[in-house]
Amino acid sequence: MPYLLISTQIRLEAGPTMVGDEQSDPNLMDFLGARKRSMPGNNFCEYYVNDAPRVVLDKLEKLGYRVVSMTGVGQTLVWCLHRE
């Protein structure tokens, strides 16, 4: 899985950080220390860590991920990463 999206709410830039969905690589989620949860009203699960996005990005860089793009969508910050 070479692409990865991570995100956080602007008011929560110190964490938690969303790092994956139900189909994310379980080994990668373990490496990040991510936990799976389902928010009320959602019919899907997501992985999150309590770390700030900067900490998550540092961990992913060690695995060869690089930021392809970053944007703000409403009150959410989103990073798209790719690994060769």
C-alpha atoms as a PDB file:
ATOM      1  CA  MET A   1       0.000   0.000   0.000  1.00  0.00           C
ATOM      2  CA  PRO A   2       2.163   2.911  -1.209  1.00  0.00           C
ATOM      3  CA  TYR A   3      -0.310   5.741  -0.443  1.00  0.00           C
ATOM      4  CA  LEU A   4      -1.454   6.858   2.987  1.00  0.00           C
ATOM      5  CA  LEU A   5      -3.712   9.671   4.185  1.00  0.00           C
ATOM      6  CA  ILE A   6      -3.433  11.101   7.677  1.00  0.00           C
ATOM      7  CA  SER A   7      -5.569  13.887   9.104  1.00  0.00           C
ATOM      8  CA  THR A   8      -6.437  15.866  12.192  1.00  0.00           C
ATOM      9  CA  GLN A   9      -8.932  18.520  13.181  1.00  0.00           C
ATOM     10  CA  ILE A  10      -7.480  22.052  13.285  1.00  0.00           C
ATOM     11  CA  ARG A  11      -8.505  22.460  16.911  1.00  0.00           C
ATOM     12  CA  LEU A  12      -6.667  19.182  17.685  1.00  0.00           C
ATOM     13  CA  GLU A  13      -3.325  19.806  15.990  1.00  0.00           C
ATOM     14  CA  ALA A  14      -1.619  18.353  19.071  1.00  0.00           C
ATOM     15  CA  GLY A  15      -3.469  15.055  18.492  1.00  0.00           C
ATOM     16  CA  PRO A  16      -5.156  12.727  18.017  1.00  0.00           C
ATOM     17  CA  THR A  17      -4.189  12.027  14.414  1.00  0.00           C
ATOM     18  CA  MET A  18      -6.239   9.780  12.125  1.00  0.00           C
ATOM     19  CA  VAL A  19      -3.817   7.418  10.386  1.00  0.00           C
ATOM     20  CA  GLY A  20      -5.861   4.799   8.564  1.00  0.00           C
ATOM     21  CA  ASP A  21      -9.134   3.127   7.710  1.00  0.00           C
ATOM     22  CA  GLU A  22     -10.515  -0.403   8.086  1.00  0.00           C
ATOM     23  CA  GLN A  23      -8.375  -1.666   5.212  1.00  0.00           C
ATOM     24  CA  SER A  24      -5.063  -0.197   6.365  1.00  0.00           C
ATOM     25  CA  ASP A  25      -1.978  -2.380   6.788  1.00  0.00           C
ATOM     26  CA  PRO A  26      -2.216  -3.840  10.325  1.00  0.00           C
ATOM     27  CA  ASN A  27       1.595  -3.980  10.645  1.00  0.00           C
ATOM     28  CA  LEU A  28       1.874  -0.278   9.819  1.00  0.00           C
ATOM     29  CA  MET A  29      -0.898   0.537  12.300  1.00  0.00           C
ATOM     30  CA  ASP A  30       0.964  -1.460  14.990  1.00  0.00           C
ATOM     31  CA  PHE A  31       4.190   0.430  14.197  1.00  0.00           C
ATOM     32  CA  LEU A  32       2.363   3.738  14.653  1.00  0.00           C
ATOM     33  CA  GLY A  33       0.688   2.526  17.852  1.00  0.00           C
ATOM     34  CA  ALA A  34      -2.726   3.122  16.292  1.00  0.00           C
ATOM     35  CA  ARG A  35      -6.024   1.974  17.764  1.00  0.00           C
ATOM     36  CA  LYS A  36      -9.178   1.247  15.800  1.00  0.00           C
ATOM     37  CA  ARG A  37     -12.397   3.054  16.689  1.00  0.00           C
ATOM     38  CA  SER A  38     -15.819   3.794  15.274  1.00  0.00           C
ATOM     39  CA  MET A  39     -17.268   7.223  15.982  1.00  0.00           C
ATOM     40  CA  PRO A  40     -20.989   7.525  16.755  1.00  0.00           C
ATOM     41  CA  GLY A  41     -22.946   8.087  13.555  1.00  0.00           C
ATOM     42  CA  ASN A  42     -20.245   6.593  11.297  1.00  0.00           C
ATOM     43  CA  ASN A  43     -20.710   3.205   9.657  1.00  0.00           C
ATOM     44  CA  PHE A  44     -16.937   2.682   9.337  1.00  0.00           C
ATOM     45  CA  CYS A  45     -13.896   2.346  11.571  1.00  0.00           C
ATOM     46  CA  GLU A  46     -10.724   4.404  11.546  1.00  0.00           C
ATOM     47  CA  TYR A  47      -7.305   4.123  13.148  1.00  0.00           C
ATOM     48  CA  TYR A  48      -5.970   6.929  15.297  1.00  0.00           C
ATOM     49  CA  VAL A  49      -2.992   7.727  17.499  1.00  0.00           C
ATOM     50  CA  ASN A  50      -2.766  10.284  20.284  1.00  0.00           C
ATOM     51  CA  ASP A  51       0.410  11.728  18.741  1.00  0.00           C
ATOM     52  CA  ALA A  52       0.530  15.071  16.968  1.00  0.00           C
ATOM     53  CA  PRO A  53       0.712  14.922  13.154  1.00  0.00           C
ATOM     54  CA  ARG A  54       4.376  16.023  13.265  1.00  0.00           C
ATOM     55  CA  VAL A  55       5.280  12.955  15.354  1.00  0.00           C
ATOM     56  CA  VAL A  56       3.352  10.661  12.984  1.00  0.00           C
ATOM     57  CA  LEU A  57       5.044  12.222   9.945  1.00  0.00           C
ATOM     58  CA  ASP A  58       8.470  11.701  11.558  1.00  0.00           C
ATOM     59  CA  LYS A  59       7.681   8.008  12.178  1.00  0.00           C
ATOM     60  CA  LEU A  60       6.423   7.505   8.617  1.00  0.00           C
ATOM     61  CA  GLU A  61       9.525   9.178   7.159  1.00  0.00           C
ATOM     62  CA  LYS A  62      11.631   6.477   8.833  1.00  0.00           C
ATOM     63  CA  LEU A  63       9.659   3.911   6.804  1.00  0.00           C
ATOM     64  CA  GLY A  64      10.272   5.734   3.521  1.00  0.00           C
ATOM     65  CA  TYR A  65       7.001   7.695   3.257  1.00  0.00           C
ATOM     66  CA  ARG A  66       7.178  11.197   1.795  1.00  0.00           C
ATOM     67  CA  VAL A  67       4.528  13.912   1.828  1.00  0.00           C
ATOM     68  CA  VAL A  68       3.005  14.334  -1.638  1.00  0.00           C
ATOM     69  CA  SER A  69       0.495  17.018  -0.706  1.00  0.00           C
ATOM     70  CA  MET A  70      -1.179  18.719   2.234  1.00  0.00           C
ATOM     71  CA  THR A  71      -4.410  20.668   2.382  1.00  0.00           C
ATOM     72  CA  GLY A  72      -7.054  22.026   4.672  1.00  0.00           C
ATOM     73  CA  VAL A  73     -10.626  20.845   4.155  1.00  0.00           C
ATOM     74  CA  GLY A  74     -12.994  22.828   6.359  1.00  0.00           C
ATOM     75  CA  GLN A  75     -11.681  22.309   9.884  1.00  0.00           C
ATOM     76  CA  THR A  76      -9.537  19.299   8.900  1.00  0.00           C
ATOM     77  CA  LEU A  77      -5.875  19.112   7.900  1.00  0.00           C
ATOM     78  CA  VAL A  78      -4.999  16.256   5.508  1.00  0.00           C
ATOM     79  CA  TRP A  79      -1.607  14.926   4.382  1.00  0.00           C
ATOM     80  CA  CYS A  80      -1.148  12.514   1.491  1.00  0.00           C
ATOM     81  CA  LEU A  81       2.008  10.395   1.695  1.00  0.00           C
ATOM     82  CA  HIS A  82       3.622   7.965  -0.738  1.00  0.00           C
ATOM     83  CA  ARG A  83       6.244   5.274  -0.273  1.00  0.00           C
ATOM     84  CA  GLU A  84       8.408   4.090  -3.173  1.00  0.00           C
END
